[in-house]
N, C-alpha and C. Protein backbone atom coordinates (compact mmCIF):
# COMPACT_ATOMS: atom_id res chain seq x y z
N MET A 1 285.89 154.87 8.61
CA MET A 1 285.97 153.42 8.64
C MET A 1 284.87 152.82 7.74
N ILE A 2 284.34 151.69 8.12
CA ILE A 2 283.34 150.99 7.29
C ILE A 2 282.04 151.77 7.31
N GLU A 3 281.45 151.95 6.10
CA GLU A 3 280.21 152.71 6.03
C GLU A 3 279.04 151.95 5.41
N ALA A 4 279.30 150.85 4.72
CA ALA A 4 278.21 150.09 4.10
C ALA A 4 278.72 148.72 3.67
N LEU A 5 277.80 147.83 3.46
CA LEU A 5 278.13 146.52 2.89
C LEU A 5 278.01 146.65 1.37
N ASP A 6 279.07 146.36 0.66
CA ASP A 6 279.06 146.50 -0.79
C ASP A 6 278.38 145.33 -1.48
N HIS A 7 278.72 144.11 -1.10
CA HIS A 7 278.12 142.92 -1.70
C HIS A 7 278.37 141.71 -0.82
N VAL A 8 277.66 140.64 -1.10
CA VAL A 8 277.88 139.35 -0.46
C VAL A 8 278.23 138.38 -1.57
N GLN A 9 279.26 137.58 -1.34
CA GLN A 9 279.63 136.55 -2.33
C GLN A 9 279.27 135.18 -1.79
N LEU A 10 278.61 134.41 -2.64
CA LEU A 10 278.32 133.02 -2.36
C LEU A 10 279.05 132.18 -3.40
N ALA A 11 279.35 130.95 -3.06
CA ALA A 11 280.03 130.06 -4.00
C ALA A 11 279.01 129.23 -4.76
N ALA A 12 279.44 128.72 -5.90
CA ALA A 12 278.59 127.88 -6.74
C ALA A 12 279.48 126.93 -7.53
N PRO A 13 278.94 125.78 -7.93
CA PRO A 13 279.75 124.85 -8.72
C PRO A 13 279.85 125.30 -10.18
N ARG A 14 280.92 124.89 -10.82
CA ARG A 14 281.12 125.19 -12.23
C ARG A 14 279.92 124.70 -13.05
N GLY A 15 279.49 125.51 -13.98
CA GLY A 15 278.39 125.14 -14.87
C GLY A 15 277.00 125.42 -14.33
N SER A 16 276.91 126.07 -13.18
CA SER A 16 275.59 126.30 -12.57
C SER A 16 274.98 127.66 -12.92
N GLU A 17 275.64 128.43 -13.75
CA GLU A 17 275.18 129.79 -14.03
C GLU A 17 273.73 129.87 -14.52
N GLU A 18 273.32 128.98 -15.40
CA GLU A 18 271.96 129.07 -15.95
C GLU A 18 270.89 128.82 -14.89
N ILE A 19 271.10 127.85 -14.00
CA ILE A 19 270.09 127.63 -12.96
C ILE A 19 270.13 128.76 -11.93
N LEU A 20 271.29 129.36 -11.73
CA LEU A 20 271.37 130.51 -10.83
C LEU A 20 270.64 131.71 -11.42
N ARG A 21 270.81 131.93 -12.71
CA ARG A 21 270.10 133.03 -13.38
C ARG A 21 268.58 132.83 -13.28
N ALA A 22 268.12 131.62 -13.54
CA ALA A 22 266.69 131.34 -13.46
C ALA A 22 266.16 131.61 -12.05
N PHE A 23 266.92 131.27 -11.04
CA PHE A 23 266.50 131.47 -9.65
C PHE A 23 266.54 132.93 -9.25
N TYR A 24 267.70 133.55 -9.40
CA TYR A 24 267.87 134.92 -8.89
C TYR A 24 267.12 135.97 -9.72
N THR A 25 267.06 135.79 -11.04
CA THR A 25 266.32 136.77 -11.84
C THR A 25 264.85 136.35 -11.97
N GLY A 26 264.61 135.11 -12.33
CA GLY A 26 263.25 134.65 -12.57
C GLY A 26 262.41 134.53 -11.32
N LEU A 27 262.93 133.89 -10.30
CA LEU A 27 262.15 133.62 -9.08
C LEU A 27 262.22 134.78 -8.08
N LEU A 28 263.41 135.35 -7.89
CA LEU A 28 263.56 136.43 -6.91
C LEU A 28 263.40 137.82 -7.52
N GLY A 29 263.44 137.94 -8.84
CA GLY A 29 263.23 139.23 -9.48
C GLY A 29 264.43 140.16 -9.43
N MET A 30 265.62 139.62 -9.19
CA MET A 30 266.82 140.46 -9.20
C MET A 30 267.27 140.65 -10.64
N ALA A 31 268.10 141.65 -10.87
CA ALA A 31 268.66 141.89 -12.20
C ALA A 31 270.08 141.36 -12.24
N GLU A 32 270.44 140.71 -13.34
CA GLU A 32 271.83 140.30 -13.49
C GLU A 32 272.65 141.51 -13.93
N THR A 33 273.81 141.68 -13.35
CA THR A 33 274.70 142.77 -13.73
C THR A 33 275.95 142.17 -14.36
N PRO A 34 276.49 142.81 -15.39
CA PRO A 34 277.67 142.26 -16.04
C PRO A 34 278.89 142.29 -15.14
N LYS A 35 279.67 141.24 -15.24
CA LYS A 35 280.94 141.19 -14.51
C LYS A 35 282.01 141.84 -15.39
N PRO A 36 283.02 142.45 -14.78
CA PRO A 36 284.13 142.97 -15.59
C PRO A 36 284.75 141.81 -16.38
N PRO A 37 285.23 142.06 -17.59
CA PRO A 37 285.75 140.99 -18.46
C PRO A 37 286.76 140.06 -17.78
N ALA A 38 287.68 140.59 -17.01
CA ALA A 38 288.68 139.74 -16.37
C ALA A 38 288.04 138.78 -15.38
N LEU A 39 286.95 139.21 -14.73
CA LEU A 39 286.26 138.34 -13.78
C LEU A 39 285.25 137.43 -14.47
N ALA A 40 284.68 137.87 -15.57
CA ALA A 40 283.71 137.06 -16.31
C ALA A 40 284.35 135.77 -16.81
N ALA A 41 285.63 135.82 -17.12
CA ALA A 41 286.33 134.63 -17.61
C ALA A 41 286.38 133.53 -16.55
N ARG A 42 286.19 133.87 -15.29
CA ARG A 42 286.23 132.89 -14.20
C ARG A 42 284.89 132.17 -14.01
N GLY A 43 283.85 132.66 -14.69
CA GLY A 43 282.52 132.08 -14.51
C GLY A 43 281.78 132.77 -13.38
N GLY A 44 280.60 132.26 -13.08
CA GLY A 44 279.78 132.85 -12.04
C GLY A 44 278.92 133.97 -12.59
N CYS A 45 278.15 134.61 -11.73
CA CYS A 45 277.28 135.70 -12.13
C CYS A 45 276.97 136.60 -10.95
N TRP A 46 276.61 137.84 -11.27
CA TRP A 46 276.31 138.86 -10.27
C TRP A 46 274.87 139.31 -10.43
N PHE A 47 274.21 139.60 -9.29
CA PHE A 47 272.82 140.02 -9.30
C PHE A 47 272.64 141.20 -8.35
N GLU A 48 271.63 142.02 -8.62
CA GLU A 48 271.32 143.11 -7.70
C GLU A 48 269.84 143.45 -7.74
N ALA A 49 269.38 144.02 -6.63
CA ALA A 49 268.02 144.53 -6.49
C ALA A 49 268.11 145.66 -5.48
N GLY A 50 267.82 146.89 -5.92
CA GLY A 50 267.99 148.03 -5.03
C GLY A 50 269.46 148.14 -4.63
N SER A 51 269.71 148.22 -3.35
CA SER A 51 271.10 148.32 -2.87
C SER A 51 271.72 146.96 -2.55
N VAL A 52 270.99 145.88 -2.80
CA VAL A 52 271.47 144.52 -2.51
C VAL A 52 272.24 143.99 -3.71
N ARG A 53 273.47 143.55 -3.45
CA ARG A 53 274.28 142.96 -4.52
C ARG A 53 274.80 141.60 -4.06
N LEU A 54 274.49 140.57 -4.85
CA LEU A 54 274.97 139.22 -4.58
C LEU A 54 275.87 138.78 -5.72
N HIS A 55 277.03 138.27 -5.38
CA HIS A 55 277.96 137.73 -6.36
C HIS A 55 278.01 136.22 -6.16
N LEU A 56 277.84 135.47 -7.23
CA LEU A 56 277.97 134.02 -7.17
C LEU A 56 279.23 133.66 -7.92
N GLY A 57 280.23 133.19 -7.18
CA GLY A 57 281.51 132.86 -7.76
C GLY A 57 281.72 131.37 -7.84
N ILE A 58 282.41 130.94 -8.86
CA ILE A 58 282.67 129.51 -9.07
C ILE A 58 283.77 129.04 -8.13
N GLU A 59 283.49 127.93 -7.46
CA GLU A 59 284.47 127.32 -6.55
C GLU A 59 284.63 125.86 -6.97
N GLU A 60 285.85 125.48 -7.28
CA GLU A 60 286.10 124.13 -7.80
C GLU A 60 285.69 123.04 -6.82
N ASP A 61 286.00 123.21 -5.56
CA ASP A 61 285.63 122.22 -4.54
C ASP A 61 284.40 122.73 -3.79
N PHE A 62 283.33 123.00 -4.54
CA PHE A 62 282.14 123.66 -4.01
C PHE A 62 281.45 122.85 -2.92
N ARG A 63 281.08 123.54 -1.86
CA ARG A 63 280.18 123.04 -0.82
C ARG A 63 279.23 124.19 -0.51
N PRO A 64 277.93 123.95 -0.50
CA PRO A 64 276.99 125.06 -0.25
C PRO A 64 277.14 125.60 1.17
N ALA A 65 276.84 126.88 1.33
CA ALA A 65 276.83 127.51 2.65
C ALA A 65 275.55 127.07 3.35
N LEU A 66 275.68 126.26 4.39
CA LEU A 66 274.52 125.73 5.09
C LEU A 66 274.17 126.53 6.34
N LYS A 67 275.12 127.26 6.89
CA LYS A 67 274.89 128.10 8.06
C LYS A 67 275.03 129.57 7.69
N ALA A 68 276.18 129.94 7.12
CA ALA A 68 276.39 131.33 6.68
C ALA A 68 275.37 131.64 5.60
N HIS A 69 274.86 132.89 5.60
CA HIS A 69 273.84 133.25 4.63
C HIS A 69 273.64 134.75 4.58
N PRO A 70 273.17 135.27 3.46
CA PRO A 70 272.73 136.67 3.44
C PRO A 70 271.31 136.75 3.99
N GLY A 71 271.03 137.82 4.70
CA GLY A 71 269.68 138.11 5.16
C GLY A 71 269.09 139.15 4.22
N LEU A 72 268.08 138.79 3.47
CA LEU A 72 267.52 139.65 2.44
C LEU A 72 266.18 140.22 2.93
N ARG A 73 266.16 141.51 3.23
CA ARG A 73 264.94 142.16 3.70
C ARG A 73 264.05 142.48 2.51
N VAL A 74 262.78 142.15 2.64
CA VAL A 74 261.81 142.43 1.58
C VAL A 74 260.96 143.65 1.95
N ARG A 75 260.24 144.16 0.98
CA ARG A 75 259.50 145.41 1.10
C ARG A 75 258.47 145.41 2.21
N ASP A 76 257.65 144.34 2.31
CA ASP A 76 256.57 144.32 3.29
C ASP A 76 256.15 142.88 3.57
N ALA A 77 255.24 142.72 4.52
CA ALA A 77 254.81 141.38 4.93
C ALA A 77 254.14 140.62 3.79
N GLU A 78 253.36 141.31 2.98
CA GLU A 78 252.70 140.66 1.86
C GLU A 78 253.74 140.11 0.87
N THR A 79 254.78 140.88 0.62
CA THR A 79 255.85 140.43 -0.28
C THR A 79 256.54 139.21 0.31
N LEU A 80 256.77 139.21 1.61
CA LEU A 80 257.41 138.07 2.26
C LEU A 80 256.57 136.81 2.08
N ASP A 81 255.27 136.92 2.30
CA ASP A 81 254.38 135.77 2.13
C ASP A 81 254.34 135.29 0.68
N THR A 82 254.28 136.24 -0.25
CA THR A 82 254.26 135.89 -1.67
C THR A 82 255.54 135.17 -2.07
N LEU A 83 256.65 135.67 -1.59
CA LEU A 83 257.94 135.06 -1.92
C LEU A 83 258.04 133.65 -1.34
N ALA A 84 257.56 133.46 -0.11
CA ALA A 84 257.58 132.12 0.50
C ALA A 84 256.76 131.14 -0.34
N THR A 85 255.60 131.57 -0.78
CA THR A 85 254.74 130.72 -1.61
C THR A 85 255.41 130.42 -2.94
N ARG A 86 255.98 131.44 -3.57
CA ARG A 86 256.65 131.27 -4.86
C ARG A 86 257.80 130.27 -4.76
N LEU A 87 258.62 130.40 -3.71
CA LEU A 87 259.75 129.49 -3.51
C LEU A 87 259.26 128.06 -3.27
N ALA A 88 258.28 127.90 -2.38
CA ALA A 88 257.76 126.56 -2.08
C ALA A 88 257.15 125.92 -3.33
N ASP A 89 256.38 126.70 -4.09
CA ASP A 89 255.77 126.18 -5.32
C ASP A 89 256.82 125.75 -6.34
N ALA A 90 257.99 126.37 -6.30
CA ALA A 90 259.08 126.03 -7.23
C ALA A 90 259.97 124.90 -6.69
N GLY A 91 259.61 124.36 -5.52
CA GLY A 91 260.36 123.22 -4.97
C GLY A 91 261.51 123.59 -4.07
N HIS A 92 261.60 124.84 -3.64
CA HIS A 92 262.66 125.25 -2.73
C HIS A 92 262.13 125.20 -1.30
N PRO A 93 262.93 124.73 -0.36
CA PRO A 93 262.45 124.61 1.02
C PRO A 93 262.13 125.97 1.61
N VAL A 94 261.09 126.04 2.42
CA VAL A 94 260.73 127.26 3.15
C VAL A 94 260.55 126.86 4.61
N THR A 95 261.41 127.39 5.47
CA THR A 95 261.34 127.09 6.90
C THR A 95 261.17 128.39 7.66
N TRP A 96 259.98 128.59 8.20
CA TRP A 96 259.70 129.80 8.97
C TRP A 96 260.40 129.71 10.32
N ASP A 97 260.82 130.86 10.83
CA ASP A 97 261.55 130.92 12.10
C ASP A 97 261.11 132.16 12.86
N ASP A 98 260.53 131.97 14.04
CA ASP A 98 260.05 133.11 14.83
C ASP A 98 260.93 133.39 16.04
N SER A 99 262.20 132.99 15.98
CA SER A 99 263.08 133.13 17.15
C SER A 99 263.66 134.53 17.34
N VAL A 100 263.48 135.42 16.39
CA VAL A 100 263.95 136.80 16.53
C VAL A 100 262.74 137.70 16.77
N PRO A 101 262.61 138.27 17.98
CA PRO A 101 261.45 139.11 18.27
C PRO A 101 261.35 140.30 17.30
N GLY A 102 260.12 140.57 16.86
CA GLY A 102 259.89 141.72 15.99
C GLY A 102 260.25 141.52 14.54
N VAL A 103 260.58 140.28 14.16
CA VAL A 103 260.97 140.00 12.77
C VAL A 103 260.23 138.76 12.28
N ARG A 104 259.60 138.88 11.12
CA ARG A 104 259.06 137.71 10.41
C ARG A 104 260.12 137.27 9.43
N ARG A 105 260.43 135.99 9.43
CA ARG A 105 261.49 135.53 8.54
C ARG A 105 261.34 134.05 8.23
N PHE A 106 261.97 133.67 7.12
CA PHE A 106 262.08 132.26 6.77
C PHE A 106 263.41 132.04 6.07
N HIS A 107 263.83 130.78 6.07
CA HIS A 107 265.04 130.38 5.36
C HIS A 107 264.65 129.51 4.18
N SER A 108 265.47 129.58 3.16
CA SER A 108 265.30 128.75 1.98
C SER A 108 266.70 128.46 1.44
N ALA A 109 266.77 127.93 0.24
CA ALA A 109 268.06 127.65 -0.38
C ALA A 109 267.97 127.92 -1.87
N ASP A 110 269.11 128.37 -2.43
CA ASP A 110 269.15 128.56 -3.88
C ASP A 110 269.31 127.19 -4.53
N PRO A 111 269.33 127.10 -5.86
CA PRO A 111 269.36 125.79 -6.52
C PRO A 111 270.62 124.98 -6.30
N VAL A 112 271.69 125.60 -5.79
CA VAL A 112 272.91 124.84 -5.51
C VAL A 112 273.06 124.57 -4.01
N GLY A 113 272.05 124.95 -3.23
CA GLY A 113 272.04 124.61 -1.80
C GLY A 113 272.49 125.68 -0.83
N ASN A 114 272.85 126.87 -1.32
CA ASN A 114 273.26 127.95 -0.41
C ASN A 114 272.05 128.44 0.39
N ARG A 115 272.23 128.59 1.69
CA ARG A 115 271.17 129.05 2.58
C ARG A 115 270.91 130.55 2.35
N LEU A 116 269.62 130.92 2.34
CA LEU A 116 269.20 132.31 2.19
C LEU A 116 268.15 132.60 3.26
N GLU A 117 268.22 133.78 3.84
CA GLU A 117 267.20 134.23 4.79
C GLU A 117 266.43 135.39 4.17
N PHE A 118 265.12 135.35 4.28
CA PHE A 118 264.25 136.42 3.81
C PHE A 118 263.49 136.95 5.03
N LEU A 119 263.47 138.27 5.21
CA LEU A 119 262.91 138.81 6.43
C LEU A 119 262.22 140.14 6.23
N GLN A 120 261.36 140.44 7.21
CA GLN A 120 260.65 141.71 7.25
C GLN A 120 260.40 142.03 8.71
N PRO A 121 260.85 143.23 9.17
CA PRO A 121 260.51 143.62 10.53
C PRO A 121 258.99 143.66 10.69
N ALA A 122 258.48 143.10 11.77
CA ALA A 122 257.04 143.05 12.00
C ALA A 122 256.53 144.44 12.40
N GLY A 123 255.28 144.73 11.99
CA GLY A 123 254.65 145.97 12.42
C GLY A 123 254.97 147.16 11.66
């Protein structure tokens, strides 16, 4: 049956690829991966870091995901703190949430408003 999560797809408005690239590669340090030619014609962009793969697809009637979100685990607590500072300094919201025992986490949003969770198991 199911053995792994292959990727998460988020929606984005037409023409947002450059700001998405700046955010996901520049701010988060992910690598952009080429889309197959048939899919590249539709717009959007794909990113990966380690085993994490995010696909940003163009949606004509775009609305950002405000509740649904990927949970992105970072390497360690120091990385989590650094990332929170980097996002806040770049003008992206950072909302810490301690409601899950044993996990340090915060939520933010990409430049088109999609909710993102960044987390690190405590200890």
